[in-house]
């Protein structure tokens, strides 16, 4: 006889989004860590690298928002 150890009820898309949000979270962390390191090494380039940091963070967050919407579509 097989015993049921765990049961999942509801929309499986929410579980998928929870797992899928890990990637953009790590990506945003890497972007800001690189910005801080670049600014610490060369402070005069902070203005230029800040633009790229916001762009990189926005693109990584866009993936998270797309992942948030997809479970509602299906």
PDB file of N, CA and C in Angstrom:
ATOM      1  N   UNK A   1       0.840  -1.188   0.000  1.00  0.00           N
ATOM      2  CA  UNK A   1       0.000   0.000   0.000  1.00  0.00           C
ATOM      3  C   UNK A   1       0.881   1.245   0.000  1.00  0.00           C
ATOM      4  N   UNK A   2       0.568   2.198  -0.884  1.00  0.00           N
ATOM      5  CA  UNK A   2       1.337   3.445  -0.987  1.00  0.00           C
ATOM      6  C   UNK A   2       0.668   4.513  -0.134  1.00  0.00           C
ATOM      7  N   UNK A   3       1.468   5.139   0.669  1.00  0.00           N
ATOM      8  CA  UNK A   3       0.968   6.171   1.571  1.00  0.00           C
ATOM      9  C   UNK A   3       1.201   7.551   0.950  1.00  0.00           C
ATOM     10  N   UNK A   4       0.207   8.415   0.996  1.00  0.00           N
ATOM     11  CA  UNK A   4       0.348   9.771   0.465  1.00  0.00           C
ATOM     12  C   UNK A   4       1.013  10.624   1.544  1.00  0.00           C
ATOM     13  N   UNK A   5       2.210  11.140   1.215  1.00  0.00           N
ATOM     14  CA  UNK A   5       2.956  11.939   2.186  1.00  0.00           C
ATOM     15  C   UNK A   5       2.659  13.423   2.064  1.00  0.00           C
ATOM     16  N   UNK A   6       2.333  13.877   0.873  1.00  0.00           N
ATOM     17  CA  UNK A   6       2.031  15.298   0.674  1.00  0.00           C
ATOM     18  C   UNK A   6       0.983  15.412  -0.425  1.00  0.00           C
ATOM     19  N   UNK A   7       0.157  16.406  -0.284  1.00  0.00           N
ATOM     20  CA  UNK A   7      -0.874  16.630  -1.275  1.00  0.00           C
ATOM     21  C   UNK A   7      -0.867  18.096  -1.655  1.00  0.00           C
ATOM     22  N   UNK A   8      -0.962  18.364  -2.947  1.00  0.00           N
ATOM     23  CA  UNK A   8      -0.939  19.728  -3.457  1.00  0.00           C
ATOM     24  C   UNK A   8      -2.296  20.039  -4.048  1.00  0.00           C
ATOM     25  N   UNK A   9      -2.928  21.054  -3.509  1.00  0.00           N
ATOM     26  CA  UNK A   9      -4.230  21.477  -4.018  1.00  0.00           C
ATOM     27  C   UNK A   9      -4.118  22.898  -4.543  1.00  0.00           C
ATOM     28  N   UNK A  10      -4.955  23.236  -5.485  1.00  0.00           N
ATOM     29  CA  UNK A  10      -4.951  24.586  -6.021  1.00  0.00           C
ATOM     30  C   UNK A  10      -4.219  24.650  -7.342  1.00  0.00           C
ATOM     31  N   UNK A  11      -3.822  25.841  -7.695  1.00  0.00           N
ATOM     32  CA  UNK A  11      -3.186  26.086  -8.984  1.00  0.00           C
ATOM     33  C   UNK A  11      -1.698  25.779  -8.895  1.00  0.00           C
ATOM     34  N   UNK A  12      -1.222  24.885  -9.731  1.00  0.00           N
ATOM     35  CA  UNK A  12       0.188  24.520  -9.733  1.00  0.00           C
ATOM     36  C   UNK A  12       1.045  25.658 -10.294  1.00  0.00           C
ATOM     37  N   UNK A  13       0.429  26.608 -10.994  1.00  0.00           N
ATOM     38  CA  UNK A  13       1.155  27.759 -11.525  1.00  0.00           C
ATOM     39  C   UNK A  13       1.761  28.613 -10.429  1.00  0.00           C
ATOM     40  N   UNK A  14       1.122  28.663  -9.276  1.00  0.00           N
ATOM     41  CA  UNK A  14       1.676  29.448  -8.175  1.00  0.00           C
ATOM     42  C   UNK A  14       2.976  28.838  -7.676  1.00  0.00           C
ATOM     43  N   UNK A  15       3.044  27.525  -7.669  1.00  0.00           N
ATOM     44  CA  UNK A  15       4.285  26.858  -7.279  1.00  0.00           C
ATOM     45  C   UNK A  15       5.362  27.123  -8.332  1.00  0.00           C
ATOM     46  N   UNK A  16       4.980  27.072  -9.585  1.00  0.00           N
ATOM     47  CA  UNK A  16       5.919  27.357 -10.661  1.00  0.00           C
ATOM     48  C   UNK A  16       6.449  28.776 -10.599  1.00  0.00           C
ATOM     49  N   UNK A  17       5.570  29.721 -10.264  1.00  0.00           N
ATOM     50  CA  UNK A  17       6.034  31.104 -10.147  1.00  0.00           C
ATOM     51  C   UNK A  17       6.973  31.262  -8.968  1.00  0.00           C
ATOM     52  N   UNK A  18       6.681  30.601  -7.890  1.00  0.00           N
ATOM     53  CA  UNK A  18       7.562  30.684  -6.725  1.00  0.00           C
ATOM     54  C   UNK A  18       8.955  30.181  -7.034  1.00  0.00           C
ATOM     55  N   UNK A  19       9.025  29.096  -7.774  1.00  0.00           N
ATOM     56  CA  UNK A  19      10.328  28.573  -8.178  1.00  0.00           C
ATOM     57  C   UNK A  19      10.959  29.473  -9.243  1.00  0.00           C
ATOM     58  N   UNK A  20      10.135  29.984 -10.146  1.00  0.00           N
ATOM     59  CA  UNK A  20      10.643  30.837 -11.220  1.00  0.00           C
ATOM     60  C   UNK A  20      11.119  32.200 -10.746  1.00  0.00           C
ATOM     61  N   UNK A  21      10.662  32.662  -9.598  1.00  0.00           N
ATOM     62  CA  UNK A  21      11.075  33.964  -9.086  1.00  0.00           C
ATOM     63  C   UNK A  21      12.475  33.927  -8.489  1.00  0.00           C
ATOM     64  N   UNK A  22      13.013  32.752  -8.301  1.00  0.00           N
ATOM     65  CA  UNK A  22      14.362  32.636  -7.745  1.00  0.00           C
ATOM     66  C   UNK A  22      15.389  33.190  -8.731  1.00  0.00           C
ATOM     67  N   UNK A  23      15.229  32.898 -10.011  1.00  0.00           N
ATOM     68  CA  UNK A  23      16.176  33.350 -11.030  1.00  0.00           C
ATOM     69  C   UNK A  23      16.291  34.858 -11.129  1.00  0.00           C
ATOM     70  N   UNK A  24      15.173  35.584 -11.307  1.00  0.00           N
ATOM     71  CA  UNK A  24      15.272  37.041 -11.344  1.00  0.00           C
ATOM     72  C   UNK A  24      15.775  37.641 -10.029  1.00  0.00           C
ATOM     73  N   UNK A  25      15.458  37.009  -8.913  1.00  0.00           N
ATOM     74  CA  UNK A  25      15.974  37.505  -7.635  1.00  0.00           C
ATOM     75  C   UNK A  25      17.482  37.426  -7.565  1.00  0.00           C
ATOM     76  N   UNK A  26      18.022  36.320  -8.023  1.00  0.00           N
ATOM     77  CA  UNK A  26      19.479  36.165  -8.065  1.00  0.00           C
ATOM     78  C   UNK A  26      20.074  37.141  -9.083  1.00  0.00           C
ATOM     79  N   UNK A  27      19.394  37.310 -10.218  1.00  0.00           N
ATOM     80  CA  UNK A  27      19.885  38.220 -11.249  1.00  0.00           C
ATOM     81  C   UNK A  27      19.970  39.657 -10.770  1.00  0.00           C
ATOM     82  N   UNK A  28      18.952  40.124 -10.072  1.00  0.00           N
ATOM     83  CA  UNK A  28      18.975  41.493  -9.548  1.00  0.00           C
ATOM     84  C   UNK A  28      20.092  41.642  -8.526  1.00  0.00           C
ATOM     85  N   UNK A  29      20.291  40.634  -7.707  1.00  0.00           N
ATOM     86  CA  UNK A  29      21.387  40.684  -6.737  1.00  0.00           C
ATOM     87  C   UNK A  29      22.743  40.767  -7.402  1.00  0.00           C
ATOM     88  N   UNK A  30      22.928  40.026  -8.487  1.00  0.00           N
ATOM     89  CA  UNK A  30      24.197  40.062  -9.212  1.00  0.00           C
ATOM     90  C   UNK A  30      24.401  41.423  -9.868  1.00  0.00           C
ATOM     91  N   UNK A  31      23.337  41.994 -10.435  1.00  0.00           N
ATOM     92  CA  UNK A  31      23.447  43.310 -11.081  1.00  0.00           C
ATOM     93  C   UNK A  31      23.887  44.367 -10.084  1.00  0.00           C
ATOM     94  N   UNK A  32      23.249  44.420  -8.927  1.00  0.00           N
ATOM     95  CA  UNK A  32      23.592  45.463  -7.951  1.00  0.00           C
ATOM     96  C   UNK A  32      24.939  45.196  -7.300  1.00  0.00           C
ATOM     97  N   UNK A  33      25.319  43.937  -7.155  1.00  0.00           N
ATOM     98  CA  UNK A  33      26.650  43.639  -6.618  1.00  0.00           C
ATOM     99  C   UNK A  33      27.729  44.102  -7.593  1.00  0.00           C
ATOM    100  N   UNK A  34      27.493  43.909  -8.885  1.00  0.00           N
ATOM    101  CA  UNK A  34      28.451  44.369  -9.887  1.00  0.00           C
ATOM    102  C   UNK A  34      28.526  45.890  -9.916  1.00  0.00           C
ATOM    103  N   UNK A  35      27.387  46.555  -9.739  1.00  0.00           N
ATOM    104  CA  UNK A  35      27.385  48.025  -9.704  1.00  0.00           C
ATOM    105  C   UNK A  35      28.168  48.545  -8.506  1.00  0.00           C
ATOM    106  N   UNK A  36      27.974  47.952  -7.362  1.00  0.00           N
ATOM    107  CA  UNK A  36      28.688  48.389  -6.163  1.00  0.00           C
ATOM    108  C   UNK A  36      30.184  48.154  -6.327  1.00  0.00           C
ATOM    109  N   UNK A  37      30.553  47.023  -6.882  1.00  0.00           N
ATOM    110  CA  UNK A  37      31.963  46.729  -7.081  1.00  0.00           C
ATOM    111  C   UNK A  37      32.586  47.681  -8.105  1.00  0.00           C
ATOM    112  N   UNK A  38      31.876  47.979  -9.185  1.00  0.00           N
ATOM    113  CA  UNK A  38      32.397  48.898 -10.194  1.00  0.00           C
ATOM    114  C   UNK A  38      32.551  50.304  -9.628  1.00  0.00           C
ATOM    115  N   UNK A  39      31.600  50.740  -8.810  1.00  0.00           N
ATOM    116  CA  UNK A  39      31.678  52.068  -8.209  1.00  0.00           C
ATOM    117  C   UNK A  39      32.805  52.133  -7.182  1.00  0.00           C
ATOM    118  N   UNK A  40      33.028  51.059  -6.464  1.00  0.00           N
ATOM    119  CA  UNK A  40      34.111  51.045  -5.485  1.00  0.00           C
ATOM    120  C   UNK A  40      35.474  51.080  -6.178  1.00  0.00           C
ATOM    121  N   UNK A  41      35.583  50.440  -7.330  1.00  0.00           N
ATOM    122  CA  UNK A  41      36.859  50.420  -8.048  1.00  0.00           C
ATOM    123  C   UNK A  41      37.123  51.726  -8.786  1.00  0.00           C
ATOM    124  N   UNK A  42      36.069  52.323  -9.344  1.00  0.00           N
ATOM    125  CA  UNK A  42      36.237  53.551 -10.117  1.00  0.00           C
ATOM    126  C   UNK A  42      35.057  54.483  -9.833  1.00  0.00           C
ATOM    127  N   UNK A  43      35.148  55.280  -8.772  1.00  0.00           N
ATOM    128  CA  UNK A  43      34.013  56.113  -8.345  1.00  0.00           C
ATOM    129  C   UNK A  43      33.558  57.133  -9.381  1.00  0.00           C
ATOM    130  N   UNK A  44      34.450  57.605 -10.235  1.00  0.00           N
ATOM    131  CA  UNK A  44      34.053  58.629 -11.201  1.00  0.00           C
ATOM    132  C   UNK A  44      33.129  58.092 -12.290  1.00  0.00           C
ATOM    133  N   UNK A  45      33.036  56.778 -12.431  1.00  0.00           N
ATOM    134  CA  UNK A  45      32.146  56.203 -13.446  1.00  0.00           C
ATOM    135  C   UNK A  45      30.793  55.796 -12.863  1.00  0.00           C
ATOM    136  N   UNK A  46      30.485  56.253 -11.665  1.00  0.00           N
ATOM    137  CA  UNK A  46      29.239  55.829 -11.001  1.00  0.00           C
ATOM    138  C   UNK A  46      28.001  56.251 -11.780  1.00  0.00           C
ATOM    139  N   UNK A  47      28.030  57.433 -12.390  1.00  0.00           N
ATOM    140  CA  UNK A  47      26.866  57.902 -13.140  1.00  0.00           C
ATOM    141  C   UNK A  47      26.556  57.028 -14.341  1.00  0.00           C
ATOM    142  N   UNK A  48      27.585  56.647 -15.071  1.00  0.00           N
ATOM    143  CA  UNK A  48      27.389  55.808 -16.254  1.00  0.00           C
ATOM    144  C   UNK A  48      26.965  54.394 -15.872  1.00  0.00           C
ATOM    145  N   UNK A  49      27.629  53.832 -14.883  1.00  0.00           N
ATOM    146  CA  UNK A  49      27.296  52.454 -14.505  1.00  0.00           C
ATOM    147  C   UNK A  49      25.942  52.367 -13.804  1.00  0.00           C
ATOM    148  N   UNK A  50      25.488  53.455 -13.185  1.00  0.00           N
ATOM    149  CA  UNK A  50      24.173  53.444 -12.537  1.00  0.00           C
ATOM    150  C   UNK A  50      23.076  53.235 -13.576  1.00  0.00           C
ATOM    151  N   UNK A  51      23.237  53.856 -14.734  1.00  0.00           N
ATOM    152  CA  UNK A  51      22.262  53.694 -15.812  1.00  0.00           C
ATOM    153  C   UNK A  51      22.165  52.232 -16.236  1.00  0.00           C
ATOM    154  N   UNK A  52      23.309  51.609 -16.408  1.00  0.00           N
ATOM    155  CA  UNK A  52      23.319  50.199 -16.800  1.00  0.00           C
ATOM    156  C   UNK A  52      22.784  49.297 -15.689  1.00  0.00           C
ATOM    157  N   UNK A  53      23.015  49.685 -14.442  1.00  0.00           N
ATOM    158  CA  UNK A  53      22.505  48.885 -13.326  1.00  0.00           C
ATOM    159  C   UNK A  53      20.977  48.917 -13.299  1.00  0.00           C
ATOM    160  N   UNK A  54      20.398  50.100 -13.475  1.00  0.00           N
ATOM    161  CA  UNK A  54      18.936  50.187 -13.501  1.00  0.00           C
ATOM    162  C   UNK A  54      18.357  49.442 -14.700  1.00  0.00           C
ATOM    163  N   UNK A  55      19.026  49.509 -15.835  1.00  0.00           N
ATOM    164  CA  UNK A  55      18.562  48.796 -17.019  1.00  0.00           C
ATOM    165  C   UNK A  55      18.613  47.284 -16.803  1.00  0.00           C
ATOM    166  N   UNK A  56      19.709  46.802 -16.241  1.00  0.00           N
ATOM    167  CA  UNK A  56      19.833  45.371 -15.977  1.00  0.00           C
ATOM    168  C   UNK A  56      18.829  44.889 -14.945  1.00  0.00           C
ATOM    169  N   UNK A  57      18.610  45.684 -13.893  1.00  0.00           N
ATOM    170  CA  UNK A  57      17.632  45.301 -12.873  1.00  0.00           C
ATOM    171  C   UNK A  57      16.215  45.294 -13.456  1.00  0.00           C
ATOM    172  N   UNK A  58      15.915  46.264 -14.322  1.00  0.00           N
ATOM    173  CA  UNK A  58      14.579  46.321 -14.930  1.00  0.00           C
ATOM    174  C   UNK A  58      14.335  45.111 -15.830  1.00  0.00           C
ATOM    175  N   UNK A  59      15.356  44.704 -16.583  1.00  0.00           N
ATOM    176  CA  UNK A  59      15.184  43.539 -17.441  1.00  0.00           C
ATOM    177  C   UNK A  59      15.006  42.257 -16.632  1.00  0.00           C
ATOM    178  N   UNK A  60      15.738  42.141 -15.538  1.00  0.00           N
ATOM    179  CA  UNK A  60      15.587  40.956 -14.688  1.00  0.00           C
ATOM    180  C   UNK A  60      14.217  40.942 -14.016  1.00  0.00           C
ATOM    181  N   UNK A  61      13.745  42.101 -13.585  1.00  0.00           N
ATOM    182  CA  UNK A  61      12.423  42.173 -12.970  1.00  0.00           C
ATOM    183  C   UNK A  61      11.320  41.916 -13.990  1.00  0.00           C
ATOM    184  N   UNK A  62      11.553  42.262 -15.250  1.00  0.00           N
ATOM    185  CA  UNK A  62      10.552  41.987 -16.289  1.00  0.00           C
ATOM    186  C   UNK A  62      10.311  40.493 -16.407  1.00  0.00           C
ATOM    187  N   UNK A  63      11.373  39.697 -16.255  1.00  0.00           N
ATOM    188  CA  UNK A  63      11.197  38.247 -16.291  1.00  0.00           C
ATOM    189  C   UNK A  63      10.314  37.775 -15.139  1.00  0.00           C
ATOM    190  N   UNK A  64      10.495  38.382 -13.976  1.00  0.00           N
ATOM    191  CA  UNK A  64       9.670  38.004 -12.833  1.00  0.00           C
ATOM    192  C   UNK A  64       8.208  38.394 -13.066  1.00  0.00           C
ATOM    193  N   UNK A  65       7.976  39.555 -13.661  1.00  0.00           N
ATOM    194  CA  UNK A  65       6.599  39.979 -13.919  1.00  0.00           C
ATOM    195  C   UNK A  65       5.933  39.109 -14.983  1.00  0.00           C
ATOM    196  N   UNK A  66       6.695  38.706 -15.988  1.00  0.00           N
ATOM    197  CA  UNK A  66       6.142  37.795 -16.993  1.00  0.00           C
ATOM    198  C   UNK A  66       5.787  36.468 -16.338  1.00  0.00           C
ATOM    199  N   UNK A  67       6.662  35.997 -15.468  1.00  0.00           N
ATOM    200  CA  UNK A  67       6.372  34.756 -14.749  1.00  0.00           C
ATOM    201  C   UNK A  67       5.173  34.876 -13.831  1.00  0.00           C
ATOM    202  N   UNK A  68       4.888  36.073 -13.364  1.00  0.00           N
ATOM    203  CA  UNK A  68       3.728  36.297 -12.511  1.00  0.00           C
ATOM    204  C   UNK A  68       2.431  36.247 -13.315  1.00  0.00           C
ATOM    205  N   UNK A  69       2.473  36.705 -14.539  1.00  0.00           N
ATOM    206  CA  UNK A  69       1.269  36.781 -15.367  1.00  0.00           C
ATOM    207  C   UNK A  69       0.927  35.441 -16.007  1.00  0.00           C
ATOM    208  N   UNK A  70       1.924  34.661 -16.379  1.00  0.00           N
ATOM    209  CA  UNK A  70       1.704  33.413 -17.119  1.00  0.00           C
ATOM    210  C   UNK A  70       0.761  32.440 -16.416  1.00  0.00           C
ATOM    211  N   UNK A  71       0.867  32.223 -15.088  1.00  0.00           N
ATOM    212  CA  UNK A  71      -0.083  31.287 -14.468  1.00  0.00           C
ATOM    213  C   UNK A  71      -1.545  31.721 -14.565  1.00  0.00           C
ATOM    214  N   UNK A  72      -1.781  33.019 -14.681  1.00  0.00           N
ATOM    215  CA  UNK A  72      -3.163  33.485 -14.818  1.00  0.00           C
ATOM    216  C   UNK A  72      -3.713  33.249 -16.215  1.00  0.00           C
ATOM    217  N   UNK A  73      -2.830  33.140 -17.189  1.00  0.00           N
ATOM    218  CA  UNK A  73      -3.270  32.933 -18.568  1.00  0.00           C
ATOM    219  C   UNK A  73      -3.748  31.500 -18.764  1.00  0.00           C
ATOM    220  N   UNK A  74      -3.046  30.539 -18.180  1.00  0.00           N
ATOM    221  CA  UNK A  74      -3.387  29.129 -18.392  1.00  0.00           C
ATOM    222  C   UNK A  74      -4.321  28.607 -17.365  1.00  0.00           C
TER     223      UNK A  74
END
